[in-house]
N, C-alpha and C. Protein backbone atom coordinates (compact mmCIF):
# COMPACT_ATOMS: atom_id res chain seq x y z
N MET A 1 -17.65 -0.73 8.87
CA MET A 1 -17.82 -0.47 7.55
C MET A 1 -17.42 -1.87 6.59
N ASN A 2 -17.22 -2.87 6.14
CA ASN A 2 -16.95 -3.85 5.70
C ASN A 2 -17.39 -4.01 4.14
N HIS A 3 -16.58 -4.43 2.75
CA HIS A 3 -17.03 -4.56 1.87
C HIS A 3 -18.44 -5.17 1.34
N GLN A 4 -18.82 -6.35 2.93
CA GLN A 4 -20.15 -7.00 2.14
C GLN A 4 -21.27 -6.08 2.69
N ASN A 5 -20.84 -5.65 3.93
CA ASN A 5 -22.21 -4.82 4.03
C ASN A 5 -22.08 -3.31 3.43
N TYR A 6 -21.72 -3.20 2.96
CA TYR A 6 -21.11 -1.63 1.63
C TYR A 6 -22.37 -2.62 0.51
N MET A 7 -21.74 -3.52 -0.26
CA MET A 7 -22.36 -4.10 -1.52
C MET A 7 -24.34 -4.10 -1.15
N LYS A 8 -24.43 -4.42 0.66
CA LYS A 8 -25.44 -5.42 0.33
C LYS A 8 -26.51 -3.48 0.27
N TRP A 9 -25.89 -2.43 1.30
CA TRP A 9 -26.30 -1.33 1.47
C TRP A 9 -26.73 -0.68 -0.12
N LEU A 10 -25.86 -0.62 -0.61
CA LEU A 10 -25.55 -0.50 -2.16
C LEU A 10 -26.93 -1.18 -3.06
N LYS A 11 -27.17 -2.49 -3.01
CA LYS A 11 -27.93 -2.73 -3.62
C LYS A 11 -29.54 -2.66 -3.18
N ASP A 12 -29.27 -2.90 -1.70
CA ASP A 12 -30.89 -2.95 -1.40
C ASP A 12 -31.64 -1.54 -1.06
N LYS A 13 -30.35 -0.50 -0.89
CA LYS A 13 -30.90 1.51 -0.25
C LYS A 13 -30.54 1.68 -1.16
N LEU A 14 -29.01 1.95 -2.05
CA LEU A 14 -28.63 2.77 -2.82
C LEU A 14 -29.60 2.87 -4.01
N LEU A 15 -29.07 1.67 -4.62
CA LEU A 15 -29.07 1.51 -5.84
C LEU A 15 -30.91 1.56 -6.30
N PRO A 16 -31.50 1.06 -5.71
CA PRO A 16 -33.35 1.39 -6.28
C PRO A 16 -33.81 2.87 -6.06
N ASN A 17 -32.54 3.84 -5.55
CA ASN A 17 -32.98 5.36 -5.25
C ASN A 17 -32.48 6.29 -6.10
N LEU A 18 -31.55 5.49 -6.36
CA LEU A 18 -30.58 5.86 -7.46
C LEU A 18 -30.78 6.44 -8.95
N PRO A 19 -30.73 8.30 -9.25
CA PRO A 19 -31.66 8.57 -10.57
C PRO A 19 -30.49 7.97 -12.29
N CYS A 20 -31.60 7.53 -12.98
CA CYS A 20 -30.73 7.26 -14.28
C CYS A 20 -29.22 7.85 -14.05
N ASN A 21 -27.93 7.08 -14.97
CA ASN A 21 -27.07 7.88 -15.10
C ASN A 21 -26.64 8.40 -14.26
N SER A 22 -26.47 7.96 -12.86
CA SER A 22 -25.79 8.88 -11.62
C SER A 22 -24.38 8.90 -11.36
N VAL A 23 -23.70 9.35 -11.17
CA VAL A 23 -22.09 9.29 -10.93
C VAL A 23 -21.63 9.10 -9.66
N LEU A 24 -21.31 8.03 -8.54
CA LEU A 24 -21.37 7.93 -7.37
C LEU A 24 -19.51 8.12 -7.29
N VAL A 25 -19.40 9.45 -6.25
CA VAL A 25 -18.26 10.08 -5.90
C VAL A 25 -17.92 9.24 -4.41
N ILE A 26 -16.67 8.43 -4.71
CA ILE A 26 -16.47 7.48 -3.56
C ILE A 26 -15.22 7.76 -2.91
N ASP A 27 -14.13 7.65 -2.23
CA ASP A 27 -13.39 8.04 -1.69
C ASP A 27 -12.70 6.80 -1.42
N ASN A 28 -11.23 6.29 -1.46
CA ASN A 28 -10.44 5.32 -1.47
C ASN A 28 -10.48 4.13 0.14
N ALA A 29 -11.71 4.53 0.42
CA ALA A 29 -11.90 3.88 1.97
C ALA A 29 -11.92 2.22 0.21
N ALA A 30 -11.24 1.08 2.07
CA ALA A 30 -10.47 -0.14 1.42
C ALA A 30 -12.44 -0.92 1.12
N TYR A 31 -13.03 -0.92 1.68
CA TYR A 31 -14.54 -1.41 1.28
C TYR A 31 -14.72 -1.07 -0.46
N HIS A 32 -14.60 -0.29 -0.69
CA HIS A 32 -15.00 0.70 -2.08
C HIS A 32 -13.88 0.31 -2.78
N ASN A 33 -12.58 -0.56 -2.37
CA ASN A 33 -11.54 -0.70 -3.35
C ASN A 33 -10.98 -2.72 -3.67
N VAL A 34 -12.45 -3.32 -3.10
CA VAL A 34 -11.71 -4.66 -3.42
C VAL A 34 -12.42 -4.80 -4.96
N THR A 35 -11.06 -5.55 -5.73
CA THR A 35 -10.95 -6.03 -6.87
C THR A 35 -11.65 -7.57 -7.27
N LEU A 36 -12.52 -7.79 -8.66
CA LEU A 36 -12.97 -9.03 -8.44
C LEU A 36 -11.84 -10.02 -8.88
N GLU A 37 -10.35 -9.31 -9.12
CA GLU A 37 -9.30 -10.73 -9.69
C GLU A 37 -8.40 -10.10 -8.42
N LYS A 38 -8.05 -11.37 -8.02
CA LYS A 38 -7.38 -11.06 -6.52
C LYS A 38 -5.80 -11.43 -6.79
N CYS A 39 -4.67 -10.54 -7.23
CA CYS A 39 -3.79 -11.10 -7.22
C CYS A 39 -2.59 -11.29 -5.87
N PRO A 40 -2.23 -11.98 -6.52
CA PRO A 40 -0.69 -12.18 -5.11
C PRO A 40 -0.21 -11.13 -4.90
N THR A 41 0.29 -11.30 -3.21
CA THR A 41 1.62 -9.99 -3.40
C THR A 41 2.25 -10.62 -3.06
N SER A 42 3.70 -9.44 -2.56
CA SER A 42 4.48 -10.02 -2.14
C SER A 42 4.78 -11.07 -1.51
N ALA A 43 3.92 -10.50 -0.05
CA ALA A 43 3.92 -11.54 1.08
C ALA A 43 3.04 -12.98 1.08
N SER A 44 2.58 -12.51 -0.44
CA SER A 44 1.62 -14.52 -0.49
C SER A 44 2.77 -15.82 -0.46
N LYS A 45 2.08 -16.74 -0.09
CA LYS A 45 3.02 -17.91 -0.21
C LYS A 45 3.39 -18.27 -1.63
N LYS A 46 4.50 -19.05 -1.89
CA LYS A 46 5.08 -19.00 -3.37
C LYS A 46 3.90 -20.65 -3.64
N ASP A 47 3.43 -20.89 -3.62
CA ASP A 47 2.69 -21.91 -3.98
C ASP A 47 1.25 -21.17 -4.34
N ILE A 48 0.92 -19.92 -3.71
CA ILE A 48 -0.29 -19.38 -4.07
C ILE A 48 0.23 -18.46 -5.57
N MET A 49 1.12 -17.95 -5.37
CA MET A 49 2.01 -17.62 -6.97
C MET A 49 2.32 -18.31 -7.74
N LYS A 50 2.76 -19.66 -7.35
CA LYS A 50 2.30 -20.44 -8.74
C LYS A 50 0.99 -20.57 -9.29
N GLN A 51 0.22 -20.98 -8.63
CA GLN A 51 -1.25 -21.41 -8.76
C GLN A 51 -1.78 -20.20 -9.93
N TRP A 52 -1.62 -18.89 -9.33
CA TRP A 52 -1.57 -17.77 -10.06
C TRP A 52 -0.90 -17.77 -11.48
N LEU A 53 -0.21 -17.88 -11.18
CA LEU A 53 0.55 -17.81 -12.84
C LEU A 53 0.20 -19.49 -13.70
N THR A 54 0.02 -20.04 -13.23
CA THR A 54 -0.20 -21.62 -13.79
C THR A 54 -1.58 -21.06 -14.09
N GLU A 55 -2.71 -20.68 -13.71
CA GLU A 55 -4.14 -20.57 -13.98
C GLU A 55 -3.88 -19.44 -15.12
N ARG A 56 -3.23 -18.47 -15.06
CA ARG A 56 -3.02 -18.01 -16.35
C ARG A 56 -2.18 -17.95 -17.71
N ASN A 57 -1.57 -19.49 -17.40
CA ASN A 57 -0.34 -20.10 -18.29
C ASN A 57 0.31 -19.42 -18.56
N ILE A 58 1.07 -18.59 -17.28
CA ILE A 58 2.26 -17.80 -17.34
C ILE A 58 3.60 -19.21 -17.06
N PHE A 59 4.37 -18.94 -18.17
CA PHE A 59 5.32 -19.91 -17.90
C PHE A 59 6.26 -19.94 -16.83
N PHE A 60 6.72 -20.75 -15.81
CA PHE A 60 7.65 -20.56 -14.83
C PHE A 60 8.46 -22.30 -14.55
N ASP A 61 9.74 -21.36 -14.21
CA ASP A 61 10.40 -22.87 -13.41
C ASP A 61 10.23 -22.92 -12.26
N GLU A 62 10.15 -24.32 -11.43
CA GLU A 62 10.25 -24.75 -10.71
C GLU A 62 11.27 -24.24 -9.26
N SER A 63 12.42 -23.73 -9.97
CA SER A 63 13.48 -23.22 -9.33
C SER A 63 13.40 -22.10 -8.92
N GLU A 64 12.48 -21.19 -9.83
CA GLU A 64 12.59 -20.03 -9.67
C GLU A 64 12.24 -19.54 -7.72
N THR A 65 12.68 -18.60 -7.99
CA THR A 65 12.65 -17.47 -5.74
C THR A 65 10.85 -16.78 -5.99
N LYS A 66 10.82 -16.53 -5.12
CA LYS A 66 9.59 -16.01 -4.53
C LYS A 66 9.62 -14.39 -5.70
N PRO A 67 10.66 -13.94 -5.11
CA PRO A 67 10.93 -12.16 -5.85
C PRO A 67 10.76 -12.94 -7.23
N GLU A 68 11.51 -13.72 -8.30
CA GLU A 68 11.43 -13.78 -9.38
C GLU A 68 9.71 -14.03 -9.70
N LEU A 69 9.23 -15.43 -9.11
CA LEU A 69 7.96 -15.51 -9.53
C LEU A 69 7.02 -13.76 -8.93
N TYR A 70 7.19 -13.35 -8.34
CA TYR A 70 6.53 -12.08 -7.92
C TYR A 70 6.48 -11.41 -8.83
N ASN A 71 7.82 -11.01 -9.99
CA ASN A 71 7.85 -10.26 -10.71
C ASN A 71 7.05 -10.41 -12.08
N LYS A 72 7.36 -11.40 -12.01
CA LYS A 72 5.95 -11.97 -13.37
C LYS A 72 4.79 -11.84 -12.85
N ILE A 73 4.09 -11.86 -11.85
CA ILE A 73 3.02 -11.30 -11.30
C ILE A 73 2.85 -9.78 -11.51
N LEU A 74 3.80 -9.41 -11.37
CA LEU A 74 3.57 -8.06 -11.47
C LEU A 74 3.42 -7.67 -12.81
N ILE A 75 4.14 -8.33 -13.47
CA ILE A 75 4.20 -8.19 -15.48
C ILE A 75 3.14 -8.42 -15.94
N ALA A 76 2.29 -9.44 -15.25
CA ALA A 76 1.25 -10.14 -15.85
C ALA A 76 -0.06 -9.51 -15.75
N LYS A 77 -0.03 -8.82 -14.03
CA LYS A 77 -1.72 -8.20 -13.30
C LYS A 77 -1.90 -7.16 -14.28
N PRO A 78 -3.19 -7.03 -13.98
CA PRO A 78 -4.03 -6.26 -15.15
C PRO A 78 -3.70 -4.81 -14.50
N LYS A 79 -3.35 -4.21 -15.42
CA LYS A 79 -2.91 -2.49 -15.39
C LYS A 79 -4.30 -1.75 -14.97
N ASN A 80 -5.39 -1.90 -15.45
CA ASN A 80 -6.22 -1.51 -14.37
C ASN A 80 -7.62 -2.50 -13.85
N PRO A 81 -7.01 -2.28 -12.79
CA PRO A 81 -8.01 -3.47 -11.79
C PRO A 81 -9.75 -3.00 -11.85
N VAL A 82 -10.59 -4.12 -12.11
CA VAL A 82 -12.21 -4.17 -12.22
C VAL A 82 -12.22 -4.38 -10.26
N TYR A 83 -12.75 -2.95 -9.95
CA TYR A 83 -13.24 -3.08 -8.59
C TYR A 83 -15.06 -3.65 -8.92
N ALA A 84 -15.45 -4.58 -7.52
CA ALA A 84 -16.93 -4.83 -7.35
C ALA A 84 -17.60 -3.55 -7.38
N VAL A 85 -17.59 -2.65 -6.72
CA VAL A 85 -18.26 -1.37 -6.47
C VAL A 85 -18.81 -1.13 -8.10
N ASP A 86 -17.43 -0.79 -9.42
CA ASP A 86 -17.87 -0.46 -10.36
C ASP A 86 -18.73 -1.29 -11.13
N GLN A 87 -18.20 -2.19 -11.03
CA GLN A 87 -19.00 -3.50 -11.89
C GLN A 87 -20.32 -3.81 -11.58
N LEU A 88 -20.69 -3.59 -10.53
CA LEU A 88 -22.48 -3.47 -9.59
C LEU A 88 -22.79 -2.72 -10.41
N LEU A 89 -22.02 -0.98 -9.94
CA LEU A 89 -23.16 0.05 -10.75
C LEU A 89 -23.24 0.02 -12.23
N ALA A 90 -22.14 0.36 -12.96
CA ALA A 90 -22.00 -0.05 -14.37
C ALA A 90 -23.05 -1.05 -14.65
N GLN A 91 -23.59 -2.53 -14.16
CA GLN A 91 -24.95 -2.82 -14.53
C GLN A 91 -25.83 -2.51 -14.36
N HIS A 92 -25.72 -1.54 -13.36
CA HIS A 92 -27.29 -0.37 -13.51
C HIS A 92 -27.64 0.78 -14.09
N GLY A 93 -26.25 1.23 -14.56
CA GLY A 93 -26.34 2.35 -16.04
C GLY A 93 -25.33 3.54 -14.85
N HIS A 94 -24.66 2.99 -14.06
CA HIS A 94 -23.99 4.43 -12.95
C HIS A 94 -22.77 4.35 -13.79
N SER A 95 -21.90 5.35 -12.69
CA SER A 95 -20.60 5.03 -13.46
C SER A 95 -20.07 5.35 -11.38
N VAL A 96 -19.03 5.59 -11.80
CA VAL A 96 -17.81 5.58 -10.21
C VAL A 96 -17.13 6.92 -10.74
N LEU A 97 -17.09 7.55 -9.69
CA LEU A 97 -15.76 8.97 -9.76
C LEU A 97 -15.05 8.91 -8.71
N ARG A 98 -13.89 8.24 -8.66
CA ARG A 98 -12.81 7.80 -7.55
C ARG A 98 -11.80 9.20 -7.08
N LEU A 99 -12.39 9.49 -5.56
CA LEU A 99 -11.39 10.40 -5.05
C LEU A 99 -9.86 10.50 -5.48
N PRO A 100 -8.79 10.94 -5.47
CA PRO A 100 -7.51 10.69 -5.35
C PRO A 100 -7.28 10.58 -3.95
N PRO A 101 -6.15 10.29 -4.18
CA PRO A 101 -5.40 9.37 -2.62
C PRO A 101 -4.93 10.44 -1.69
N TYR A 102 -5.03 10.63 -0.89
CA TYR A 102 -4.69 11.84 0.07
C TYR A 102 -5.12 13.28 -0.15
N HIS A 103 -6.37 13.62 -0.51
CA HIS A 103 -6.69 14.76 -1.04
C HIS A 103 -7.83 14.42 -0.37
N PRO A 104 -8.40 14.58 1.38
CA PRO A 104 -9.22 14.80 2.00
C PRO A 104 -9.75 15.75 1.85
N GLU A 105 -9.75 16.98 1.14
CA GLU A 105 -10.32 18.37 1.50
C GLU A 105 -11.20 18.19 -0.04
N LEU A 106 -11.12 17.03 -0.55
CA LEU A 106 -12.01 17.05 -2.01
C LEU A 106 -13.40 16.45 -1.63
N ASN A 107 -13.50 15.88 -0.05
CA ASN A 107 -14.07 14.77 0.20
C ASN A 107 -15.41 15.92 1.29
N PRO A 108 -16.44 16.05 1.24
CA PRO A 108 -17.48 16.75 1.90
C PRO A 108 -17.34 16.22 3.18
N ILE A 109 -17.37 15.05 3.76
CA ILE A 109 -17.82 14.49 4.63
C ILE A 109 -16.39 15.03 5.69
N GLU A 110 -15.66 14.67 5.44
CA GLU A 110 -14.12 15.34 6.10
C GLU A 110 -14.38 16.91 7.01
N LYS A 111 -15.24 17.52 6.02
CA LYS A 111 -15.40 18.85 6.49
C LYS A 111 -16.78 18.77 7.61
N ILE A 112 -17.98 17.77 7.76
CA ILE A 112 -18.44 17.71 8.46
C ILE A 112 -17.86 17.05 9.98
N TRP A 113 -17.08 15.96 9.76
CA TRP A 113 -16.33 15.47 10.48
C TRP A 113 -15.80 16.45 11.41
N ALA A 114 -15.01 17.34 10.79
CA ALA A 114 -14.13 18.70 11.25
C ALA A 114 -14.85 19.02 12.61
N ILE A 115 -16.04 19.59 11.84
CA ILE A 115 -16.76 20.70 12.66
C ILE A 115 -17.36 19.97 13.93
N LEU A 116 -17.84 18.27 13.52
CA LEU A 116 -18.22 17.91 14.85
C LEU A 116 -17.10 16.71 16.28
N LYS A 117 -16.07 16.92 15.48
CA LYS A 117 -14.61 16.59 16.45
C LYS A 117 -14.02 18.48 17.07
N ASN A 118 -14.78 19.30 16.46
CA ASN A 118 -14.32 20.63 16.92
C ASN A 118 -15.62 20.86 18.37
N GLU A 119 -16.78 20.02 18.03
CA GLU A 119 -17.62 20.85 18.58
C GLU A 119 -17.93 19.87 20.38
N VAL A 120 -17.12 18.64 19.67
CA VAL A 120 -16.83 17.66 20.99
C VAL A 120 -15.65 18.02 21.73
N ALA A 121 -14.63 18.08 20.92
CA ALA A 121 -13.44 18.90 21.69
C ALA A 121 -13.91 20.32 22.74
N ALA A 122 -14.75 20.91 22.35
CA ALA A 122 -14.97 22.54 23.15
C ALA A 122 -15.48 22.16 23.85
N LYS A 123 -16.63 20.90 24.51
CA LYS A 123 -17.49 20.45 25.26
C LYS A 123 -17.06 19.39 26.32
N ASN A 124 -15.94 19.09 26.10
CA ASN A 124 -15.00 18.35 26.56
C ASN A 124 -14.20 18.74 27.27
N THR A 125 -14.71 18.74 29.10
CA THR A 125 -13.86 19.57 30.11
C THR A 125 -13.16 19.15 30.89
N THR A 126 -12.56 17.52 30.63
CA THR A 126 -12.22 16.65 31.95
C THR A 126 -10.52 16.83 31.04
């Protein structure tokens, strides 16, 4: 699964069948967490960092190092990112509840996977 396929499934299959004001509970899979605004990371090229800062009218000196530029990005980047999934669902009157990271016991699919894995392991005699 990837973000593009997930969004297509949401739009074409799930949204038309959701009751009004539904709450979608999702885990922290990467395709759930694509943000609308991409912020440079510490691994980004210096030119990308400069471009991001310039687009937001954040002053920097051309002599600043990558770590100095990245520090400015950390200060300026949104504290609460807007996720593409959340925005799509909100546009249709729904909301999202994200499971906390590192708590698979809160995700019912994990219990199903555990049962399936045990069944496969029990039948695997090689």
